[in-house]
C-alpha atoms as a PDB file:
ATOM      1  CA  MET A   1     -58.270  15.765 -28.662  1.00  0.00           C
ATOM      2  CA  ALA A   2     -56.859  19.306 -27.282  1.00  0.00           C
ATOM      3  CA  ASP A   3     -55.724  17.560 -23.989  1.00  0.00           C
ATOM      4  CA  LEU A   4     -53.296  14.889 -25.663  1.00  0.00           C
ATOM      5  CA  PRO A   5     -49.621  16.070 -26.323  1.00  0.00           C
ATOM      6  CA  ASP A   6     -48.610  16.727 -29.861  1.00  0.00           C
ATOM      7  CA  ILE A   7     -48.792  13.562 -31.771  1.00  0.00           C
ATOM      8  CA  PRO A   8     -45.308  12.898 -33.329  1.00  0.00           C
ATOM      9  CA  SER A   9     -44.430  12.656 -36.989  1.00  0.00           C
ATOM     10  CA  PRO A  10     -44.573   9.144 -38.465  1.00  0.00           C
ATOM     11  CA  CYS A  11     -41.589   9.864 -40.451  1.00  0.00           C
ATOM     12  CA  ILE A  12     -38.864   7.542 -40.300  1.00  0.00           C
ATOM     13  CA  GLY A  13     -36.107   9.103 -42.896  1.00  0.00           C
ATOM     14  CA  VAL A  14     -36.877   7.052 -45.600  1.00  0.00           C
ATOM     15  CA  CYS A  15     -38.317  10.080 -48.081  1.00  0.00           C
ATOM     16  CA  ARG A  16     -39.101   8.579 -51.399  1.00  0.00           C
ATOM     17  CA  LEU A  17     -42.344   8.831 -52.888  1.00  0.00           C
ATOM     18  CA  GLU A  18     -43.126   5.208 -55.062  1.00  0.00           C
ATOM     19  CA  PRO A  19     -44.216   5.939 -58.263  1.00  0.00           C
ATOM     20  CA  GLN A  20     -46.568   3.420 -58.411  1.00  0.00           C
ATOM     21  CA  THR A  21     -48.452   3.697 -55.107  1.00  0.00           C
ATOM     22  CA  ARG A  22     -47.713   7.727 -54.972  1.00  0.00           C
ATOM     23  CA  ARG A  23     -47.065   6.883 -51.217  1.00  0.00           C
ATOM     24  CA  CYS A  24     -43.786   7.724 -48.956  1.00  0.00           C
ATOM     25  CA  ALA A  25     -41.457   4.655 -49.130  1.00  0.00           C
ATOM     26  CA  GLY A  26     -40.725   5.275 -45.274  1.00  0.00           C
ATOM     27  CA  CYS A  27     -43.997   6.064 -43.494  1.00  0.00           C
ATOM     28  CA  LEU A  28     -46.447   5.377 -46.533  1.00  0.00           C
ATOM     29  CA  ARG A  29     -47.965   8.801 -45.925  1.00  0.00           C
ATOM     30  CA  THR A  30     -49.510  10.393 -49.330  1.00  0.00           C
ATOM     31  CA  ALA A  31     -47.910  13.748 -50.180  1.00  0.00           C
ATOM     32  CA  ARG A  32     -51.103  15.298 -49.167  1.00  0.00           C
ATOM     33  CA  GLU A  33     -50.471  13.840 -45.519  1.00  0.00           C
ATOM     34  CA  ILE A  34     -46.890  14.984 -45.764  1.00  0.00           C
ATOM     35  CA  VAL A  35     -47.934  18.445 -46.274  1.00  0.00           C
ATOM     36  CA  ARG A  36     -50.921  18.891 -44.211  1.00  0.00           C
ATOM     37  CA  TRP A  37     -48.747  17.389 -40.953  1.00  0.00           C
ATOM     38  CA  PRO A  38     -46.829  20.114 -39.837  1.00  0.00           C
ATOM     39  CA  GLU A  39     -50.441  22.276 -39.686  1.00  0.00           C
ATOM     40  CA  ALA A  40     -52.841  19.512 -38.758  1.00  0.00           C
ATOM     41  CA  ASP A  41     -54.465  19.279 -35.474  1.00  0.00           C
ATOM     42  CA  ASN A  42     -54.392  15.970 -33.140  1.00  0.00           C
ATOM     43  CA  ALA A  43     -57.356  15.194 -34.626  1.00  0.00           C
ATOM     44  CA  GLU A  44     -56.228  15.092 -37.793  1.00  0.00           C
ATOM     45  CA  ARG A  45     -53.060  13.738 -37.048  1.00  0.00           C
ATOM     46  CA  LEU A  46     -54.183  10.524 -35.086  1.00  0.00           C
ATOM     47  CA  ALA A  47     -57.092  10.064 -38.225  1.00  0.00           C
ATOM     48  CA  ILE A  48     -53.896   9.582 -40.566  1.00  0.00           C
ATOM     49  CA  VAL A  49     -51.764   7.655 -37.980  1.00  0.00           C
ATOM     50  CA  GLN A  50     -54.590   5.364 -37.686  1.00  0.00           C
ATOM     51  CA  GLU A  51     -54.667   5.015 -41.920  1.00  0.00           C
ATOM     52  CA  LEU A  52     -51.310   4.291 -41.738  1.00  0.00           C
ATOM     53  CA  ARG A  53     -51.669   1.317 -39.306  1.00  0.00           C
ATOM     54  CA  ARG A  54     -54.450  -0.025 -41.806  1.00  0.00           C
ATOM     55  CA  ARG A  55     -52.149   0.320 -44.444  1.00  0.00           C
ATOM     56  CA  ARG A  56     -49.045  -1.377 -43.045  1.00  0.00           C
ATOM     57  CA  ARG A  57     -51.452  -4.376 -41.948  1.00  0.00           C
ATOM     58  CA  ALA A  58     -53.121  -4.280 -45.428  1.00  0.00           C
ATOM     59  CA  LEU A  59     -48.949  -4.911 -46.813  1.00  0.00           C
ATOM     60  CA  GLY A  60     -48.562  -7.147 -43.750  1.00  0.00           C
ATOM     61  CA  ILE A  61     -45.844  -4.605 -42.377  1.00  0.00           C
ATOM     62  CA  THR A  62     -46.455  -4.853 -38.745  1.00  0.00           C
ATOM     63  CA  SER A  63     -44.896  -4.000 -35.700  1.00  0.00           C
ATOM     64  CA  PRO A  64     -46.020  -4.859 -31.980  1.00  0.00           C
ATOM     65  CA  ALA A  65     -47.082  -1.451 -31.576  1.00  0.00           C
ATOM     66  CA  ASP A  66     -49.769  -2.135 -34.097  1.00  0.00           C
ATOM     67  CA  SER A  67     -51.345  -5.282 -32.433  1.00  0.00           C
ATOM     68  CA  ARG A  68     -50.734  -3.590 -28.870  1.00  0.00           C
ATOM     69  CA  PRO A  69     -54.213  -2.353 -27.110  1.00  0.00           C
ATOM     70  CA  ARG A  70     -54.141   1.241 -26.454  1.00  0.00           C
ATOM     71  CA  ARG A  71     -54.601   2.632 -23.161  1.00  0.00           C
ATOM     72  CA  ARG A  72     -57.387   4.793 -22.363  1.00  0.00           C
ATOM     73  CA  ARG A  73     -57.357   7.398 -20.147  1.00  0.00           C
ATOM     74  CA  THR A  74     -59.358   7.592 -16.859  1.00  0.00           C
ATOM     75  CA  SER A  75     -60.360  10.570 -15.204  1.00  0.00           C
ATOM     76  CA  PRO A  76     -59.228  11.247 -11.754  1.00  0.00           C
ATOM     77  CA  THR A  77     -62.652  11.116 -10.451  1.00  0.00           C
ATOM     78  CA  GLU A  78     -63.240   7.441 -11.815  1.00  0.00           C
END
């Protein structure tokens, strides 16, 4: 994961924790995930982003990017 560029924050600027779910109304992160983000390495950030995708799908909130297959990097020797 160290060779990947930093994963950007999923924050969309709607920063409000919902009392029922204890998740941000904008990005769906928990308070713990929000606090961890600045110090998290790419592996932890990727895990958070994948969990956010699962949450969006469970809520029926998806975007074209959620359904698009991910590109896999190939090494120059392949």
